[in-house]
Amino acid sequence: MNRLAAISFAAAALAVASPTIAQRNFDDVEIKTEEIAPGVAVLFGAGGNMGVSFGEDATVLIDDQFAPLSSKIEAAVSDLGATPAKYVVNTHWHGDHTGGNEHFGKTGATIFAHDNVRVRMSTEQQRGTRTTPASPKEALPVVTYGQGMRFHLNGDTINLMFLGGGHTDGDSVVVWEDKNVIHMGDLYFKIPGYPFIDVASGGNVYAAMQSLDVVIAMIDDNTKVIPGHGPMSNKSELVAYREMMGEAVKRVEALHAQGMSVEDAKASKPFADFARGEGFISADSFVTAIWNSIEA
């Protein structure tokens, strides 16, 4: 990924946690479309990557970025030759994946998500110094599930699967069985920096690794992998990401076992040789998230 693209993806991801960026002017944002299989596309904009299933039955939109982009998202869906979104799936509750919910809910789409997504969106959420107010009724998932559910649409079986979470306590992956495509949500970032484990939202690095292990066992070398942020990916890159995460956890566990404080652990720079670059989540933030997961 070139430097400009890396900055763009990182800035989009930052909007999850930064009110300043979340309130940016979205006029210059372009929704880019990539059809990755017949009737399946990924849309890139200024938030989490969106998936689309479209065909003769109905259009399913996976995540919907930020509210000001809703008309641009609708136009991008239309340009695919698809009908307006009838169903919206949220991979988790963060605003760069659910910001368009209110718009699409008002236009008649039915919103689906894990149980915990509705719980978090329907109540005020406190993460550090940032308070996220409860979402309006129209933005809330109408259909929720504990483990998963299926759509039988557009000549495919589309599975919504909760594998234990990890990024938050309500992460879903979306699997197109016949088209061999998977949308990972933010369980997988293909951008510079480190994994985002939102401990305040029920995230835990051990749950994240377990979820990734299940996915890796489920897909093959031909699977098209849509990350939560960043360009399209594949199984080998996902495996490398999981291995990096496992090595990071092992190193932080060792420091924790030595009786270090988290501040001393960060100061020791345990990931100095990882060459992940600078991104939304710093090495220190990931050390802290692992530390909190160990002590959870």
Protein backbone atom coordinates (compact mmCIF):
# COMPACT_ATOMS: atom_id res chain seq x y z
CA MET A 1 0.00 0.00 0.00
CA ASN A 2 1.43 3.41 -0.89
CA ARG A 3 1.80 6.14 1.72
CA LEU A 4 -1.19 8.16 0.52
CA ALA A 5 -3.48 5.12 0.64
CA ALA A 6 -2.20 4.20 4.07
CA ILE A 7 -2.94 7.68 5.38
CA SER A 8 -6.42 7.57 3.85
CA PHE A 9 -7.30 4.22 5.42
CA ALA A 10 -5.84 5.26 8.77
CA ALA A 11 -7.81 8.51 8.76
CA ALA A 12 -11.00 6.63 8.01
CA ALA A 13 -10.35 4.24 10.87
CA LEU A 14 -9.56 7.09 13.24
CA ALA A 15 -13.09 8.35 12.82
CA VAL A 16 -14.18 5.48 15.06
CA ALA A 17 -12.56 7.16 18.04
CA SER A 18 -12.14 10.83 17.14
CA PRO A 19 -15.11 13.20 17.28
CA THR A 20 -13.12 15.74 15.26
CA ILE A 21 -12.63 13.42 12.30
CA ALA A 22 -16.14 12.00 12.65
CA GLN A 23 -17.45 15.54 12.12
CA ARG A 24 -15.31 16.13 9.01
CA ASN A 25 -16.68 17.36 5.71
CA PHE A 26 -17.54 14.28 3.65
CA ASP A 27 -18.17 16.18 0.41
CA ASP A 28 -14.85 15.07 -1.08
CA VAL A 29 -15.31 11.39 -0.25
CA GLU A 30 -15.67 9.09 -3.25
CA ILE A 31 -17.28 5.68 -2.87
CA LYS A 32 -15.21 3.27 -4.93
CA THR A 33 -16.73 0.00 -6.08
CA GLU A 34 -15.03 -3.32 -6.78
CA GLU A 35 -17.11 -6.27 -7.99
CA ILE A 36 -15.28 -9.30 -6.61
CA ALA A 37 -17.67 -12.07 -7.73
CA PRO A 38 -20.91 -12.20 -9.73
CA GLY A 39 -23.45 -10.37 -7.59
CA VAL A 40 -20.94 -9.52 -4.86
CA ALA A 41 -19.10 -6.21 -4.49
CA VAL A 42 -17.08 -4.27 -1.95
CA LEU A 43 -17.45 -0.52 -1.52
CA PHE A 44 -14.59 1.61 -0.19
CA GLY A 45 -15.25 5.07 1.21
CA ALA A 46 -14.41 6.84 4.48
CA GLY A 47 -15.21 4.19 7.05
CA GLY A 48 -15.40 0.43 7.33
CA ASN A 49 -15.46 -1.47 4.06
CA MET A 50 -18.97 -2.28 2.86
CA GLY A 51 -20.07 -5.51 1.19
CA VAL A 52 -22.98 -5.82 -1.21
CA SER A 53 -24.97 -8.86 -2.33
CA PHE A 54 -27.21 -8.01 -5.27
CA GLY A 55 -29.30 -9.83 -7.82
CA GLU A 56 -32.85 -10.75 -8.71
CA ASP A 57 -34.02 -11.28 -5.12
CA ALA A 58 -32.85 -8.30 -3.06
CA THR A 59 -29.86 -6.14 -2.18
CA VAL A 60 -28.02 -6.77 1.08
CA LEU A 61 -25.64 -4.06 2.32
CA ILE A 62 -22.97 -5.07 4.82
CA ASP A 63 -22.19 -1.99 6.98
CA ASP A 64 -22.99 1.58 5.93
CA GLN A 65 -20.17 3.90 7.05
CA PHE A 66 -21.17 7.47 8.05
CA ALA A 67 -24.55 9.19 7.76
CA PRO A 68 -23.40 11.98 5.38
CA LEU A 69 -22.32 9.33 2.87
CA SER A 70 -25.69 7.58 2.61
CA SER A 71 -26.72 9.16 -0.71
CA LYS A 72 -23.31 8.37 -2.20
CA ILE A 73 -23.61 4.78 -1.00
CA GLU A 74 -27.06 4.53 -2.57
CA ALA A 75 -25.67 5.86 -5.85
CA ALA A 76 -22.80 3.36 -5.78
CA VAL A 77 -25.26 0.50 -5.18
CA SER A 78 -27.41 1.73 -8.05
CA ASP A 79 -24.37 1.90 -10.34
CA LEU A 80 -23.90 -1.83 -9.76
CA GLY A 81 -27.32 -2.32 -11.36
CA ALA A 82 -28.73 -3.24 -7.96
CA THR A 83 -32.02 -2.29 -6.39
CA PRO A 84 -31.97 -0.16 -3.20
CA ALA A 85 -30.80 -1.97 -0.08
CA LYS A 86 -33.60 -4.06 1.39
CA TYR A 87 -31.44 -5.52 4.16
CA VAL A 88 -28.52 -3.99 6.09
CA VAL A 89 -26.12 -6.08 8.19
CA ASN A 90 -23.89 -4.49 10.84
CA THR A 91 -20.67 -6.38 11.54
CA HIS A 92 -20.42 -4.52 14.90
CA TRP A 93 -21.64 -1.31 16.55
CA HIS A 94 -18.91 1.27 15.78
CA GLY A 95 -20.08 4.43 14.06
CA ASP A 96 -17.93 4.06 10.94
CA HIS A 97 -19.87 0.85 10.23
CA THR A 98 -23.35 1.87 11.43
CA GLY A 99 -23.54 5.62 10.75
CA GLY A 100 -25.88 5.15 7.80
CA ASN A 101 -28.31 2.95 9.74
CA GLU A 102 -30.76 5.73 10.52
CA HIS A 103 -31.01 6.72 6.86
CA PHE A 104 -31.40 3.18 5.57
CA GLY A 105 -33.81 2.31 8.38
CA LYS A 106 -35.99 5.27 7.44
CA THR A 107 -35.97 4.26 3.77
CA GLY A 108 -37.35 0.84 4.69
CA ALA A 109 -34.32 -1.42 5.02
CA THR A 110 -34.39 -4.07 7.74
CA ILE A 111 -31.22 -3.99 9.87
CA PHE A 112 -29.62 -7.20 11.17
CA ALA A 113 -26.85 -7.61 13.75
CA HIS A 114 -25.66 -9.58 16.74
CA ASP A 115 -27.65 -9.10 19.96
CA ASN A 116 -24.87 -7.03 21.56
CA VAL A 117 -24.83 -4.55 18.69
CA ARG A 118 -28.40 -3.52 19.48
CA VAL A 119 -27.61 -3.43 23.20
CA ARG A 120 -24.68 -1.06 22.68
CA MET A 121 -26.39 1.11 20.08
CA SER A 122 -29.52 1.51 22.21
CA THR A 123 -27.63 2.72 25.29
CA GLU A 124 -25.02 5.41 25.94
CA GLN A 125 -21.50 4.04 25.54
CA GLN A 126 -18.44 5.34 27.37
CA ARG A 127 -15.00 4.58 25.94
CA GLY A 128 -12.24 6.45 27.71
CA THR A 129 -13.11 10.14 27.56
CA ARG A 130 -15.54 9.73 24.68
CA THR A 131 -19.27 9.32 25.22
CA THR A 132 -21.39 7.96 22.38
CA PRO A 133 -25.10 8.66 22.88
CA ALA A 134 -27.75 6.06 22.22
CA SER A 135 -28.80 5.80 18.57
CA PRO A 136 -32.29 6.77 17.41
CA LYS A 137 -34.84 4.00 17.02
CA GLU A 138 -34.58 3.99 13.21
CA ALA A 139 -30.86 3.18 13.43
CA LEU A 140 -31.22 0.13 15.66
CA PRO A 141 -31.03 -3.44 14.38
CA VAL A 142 -34.52 -4.86 14.09
CA VAL A 143 -33.47 -8.50 13.77
CA THR A 144 -30.77 -9.74 16.15
CA TYR A 145 -29.21 -13.12 16.80
CA GLY A 146 -26.93 -14.86 19.25
CA GLN A 147 -24.91 -17.20 17.03
CA GLY A 148 -25.98 -16.40 13.50
CA MET A 149 -28.53 -16.67 10.74
CA ARG A 150 -28.77 -17.17 6.98
CA PHE A 151 -30.04 -15.36 3.92
CA HIS A 152 -31.01 -17.49 0.93
CA LEU A 153 -30.79 -14.81 -1.75
CA ASN A 154 -29.37 -14.05 -5.17
CA GLY A 155 -28.41 -17.65 -5.87
CA ASP A 156 -26.29 -17.99 -2.75
CA THR A 157 -26.43 -18.81 0.95
CA ILE A 158 -25.13 -15.88 2.98
CA ASN A 159 -24.21 -16.73 6.56
CA LEU A 160 -24.06 -14.17 9.37
CA MET A 161 -21.81 -15.74 12.00
CA PHE A 162 -20.83 -14.73 15.53
CA LEU A 163 -17.66 -16.66 16.35
CA GLY A 164 -17.03 -15.22 19.80
CA GLY A 165 -16.15 -11.65 18.93
CA GLY A 166 -12.83 -10.12 19.92
CA HIS A 167 -12.77 -6.69 18.34
CA THR A 168 -15.96 -6.03 20.33
CA ASP A 169 -18.48 -8.35 21.98
CA GLY A 170 -20.75 -8.33 18.92
CA ASP A 171 -18.61 -9.02 15.84
CA SER A 172 -20.14 -10.88 12.93
CA VAL A 173 -18.40 -12.25 9.87
CA VAL A 174 -20.44 -12.60 6.69
CA VAL A 175 -19.82 -15.61 4.45
CA TRP A 176 -21.07 -16.13 0.90
CA GLU A 177 -20.95 -19.93 0.62
CA ASP A 178 -21.10 -20.36 -3.15
CA LYS A 179 -19.21 -17.20 -4.12
CA ASN A 180 -16.45 -18.02 -1.59
CA VAL A 181 -16.30 -14.53 -0.11
CA ILE A 182 -16.02 -13.47 3.52
CA HIS A 183 -16.44 -10.03 5.11
CA MET A 184 -14.38 -9.92 8.30
CA GLY A 185 -15.57 -6.67 9.85
CA ASP A 186 -12.93 -5.20 12.14
CA LEU A 187 -11.64 -8.58 13.26
CA TYR A 188 -9.15 -7.93 10.45
CA PHE A 189 -7.43 -4.64 9.59
CA LYS A 190 -5.32 -4.57 6.44
CA ILE A 191 -3.79 -1.18 7.16
CA PRO A 192 -0.60 -0.04 8.93
CA GLY A 193 -0.55 -0.32 12.68
CA TYR A 194 -1.90 -3.00 14.99
CA PRO A 195 -5.20 -4.81 15.63
CA PHE A 196 -7.94 -2.80 17.33
CA ILE A 197 -9.19 -4.61 20.41
CA ASP A 198 -11.92 -2.38 21.85
CA VAL A 199 -11.82 -3.66 25.41
CA ALA A 200 -14.36 -1.03 26.53
CA SER A 201 -16.81 -2.59 24.06
CA GLY A 202 -16.23 -6.13 25.27
CA GLY A 203 -13.30 -6.84 22.97
CA ASN A 204 -10.63 -9.33 24.04
CA VAL A 205 -7.51 -10.40 22.16
CA TYR A 206 -7.99 -14.08 23.03
CA ALA A 207 -11.52 -14.06 21.65
CA ALA A 208 -10.22 -12.29 18.54
CA MET A 209 -7.57 -14.95 17.96
CA GLN A 210 -10.16 -17.69 18.45
CA SER A 211 -12.48 -16.04 15.92
CA LEU A 212 -9.65 -15.74 13.41
CA ASP A 213 -8.70 -19.39 13.94
CA VAL A 214 -12.25 -20.48 13.12
CA VAL A 215 -12.29 -18.35 9.96
CA ILE A 216 -8.90 -19.61 8.79
CA ALA A 217 -10.05 -23.22 9.21
CA MET A 218 -13.22 -22.41 7.27
CA ILE A 219 -11.79 -20.68 4.17
CA ASP A 220 -9.42 -21.76 1.40
CA ASP A 221 -6.72 -20.25 -0.80
CA ASN A 222 -9.33 -18.98 -3.27
CA THR A 223 -11.50 -17.20 -0.71
CA LYS A 224 -11.85 -13.47 -1.28
CA VAL A 225 -11.38 -11.79 2.09
CA ILE A 226 -12.89 -8.35 2.73
CA PRO A 227 -11.12 -6.72 5.71
CA GLY A 228 -12.81 -4.15 7.90
CA HIS A 229 -10.34 -1.55 6.62
CA GLY A 230 -7.88 -1.69 3.76
CA PRO A 231 -7.80 -3.30 0.31
CA MET A 232 -9.02 -6.78 -0.58
CA SER A 233 -7.13 -9.67 0.94
CA ASN A 234 -6.80 -13.46 0.99
CA LYS A 235 -6.20 -16.39 3.29
CA SER A 236 -2.41 -16.19 3.35
CA GLU A 237 -2.49 -12.55 4.43
CA LEU A 238 -5.09 -13.32 7.08
CA VAL A 239 -2.92 -16.17 8.39
CA ALA A 240 0.06 -13.79 8.60
CA TYR A 241 -2.07 -11.29 10.54
CA ARG A 242 -3.14 -13.99 12.99
CA GLU A 243 0.45 -15.15 13.43
CA MET A 244 1.58 -11.59 14.15
CA MET A 245 -1.18 -11.24 16.72
CA GLY A 246 -0.21 -14.51 18.40
CA GLU A 247 3.47 -13.54 18.61
CA ALA A 248 2.53 -10.15 20.06
CA VAL A 249 0.38 -11.80 22.72
CA LYS A 250 3.15 -14.25 23.61
CA ARG A 251 5.61 -11.39 24.15
CA VAL A 252 3.25 -9.35 26.29
CA GLU A 253 2.27 -12.41 28.32
CA ALA A 254 5.97 -12.93 29.13
CA LEU A 255 6.33 -9.34 30.33
CA HIS A 256 3.17 -9.66 32.40
CA ALA A 257 4.46 -12.88 33.98
CA GLN A 258 7.66 -11.06 34.99
CA GLY A 259 5.59 -8.73 37.14
CA MET A 260 6.11 -5.65 35.00
CA SER A 261 3.65 -2.80 35.00
CA VAL A 262 1.87 -2.04 31.74
CA GLU A 263 3.85 1.19 31.46
CA ASP A 264 7.13 -0.72 31.78
CA ALA A 265 5.89 -3.25 29.24
CA LYS A 266 5.17 -0.48 26.73
CA ALA A 267 8.54 1.14 27.41
CA SER A 268 10.30 -2.14 26.59
CA LYS A 269 9.01 -1.89 22.99
CA PRO A 270 8.16 -5.57 22.58
CA PHE A 271 7.08 -5.13 18.93
CA ALA A 272 10.10 -3.14 17.76
CA ASP A 273 10.93 -5.69 15.04
CA PHE A 274 7.39 -6.07 13.67
CA ALA A 275 7.65 -3.30 11.02
CA ARG A 276 3.90 -2.63 11.08
CA GLY A 277 4.29 1.09 10.38
CA GLU A 278 2.28 3.86 11.98
CA GLY A 279 -1.48 3.50 11.89
CA PHE A 280 -4.72 3.97 13.78
CA ILE A 281 -3.65 1.60 16.57
CA SER A 282 -0.13 2.13 17.90
CA ALA A 283 2.13 -0.52 19.37
CA ASP A 284 1.55 0.95 22.85
CA SER A 285 -2.22 0.77 22.40
CA PHE A 286 -2.01 -2.86 21.35
CA VAL A 287 0.22 -3.71 24.33
CA THR A 288 -2.41 -2.11 26.59
CA ALA A 289 -5.25 -4.03 24.94
CA ILE A 290 -3.40 -7.33 25.33
CA TRP A 291 -2.59 -6.46 28.95
CA ASN A 292 -6.23 -5.72 29.69
CA SER A 293 -7.27 -8.94 27.96
CA ILE A 294 -4.85 -10.92 30.15
CA GLU A 295 -6.32 -9.35 33.27
CA ALA A 296 -9.96 -9.56 32.19
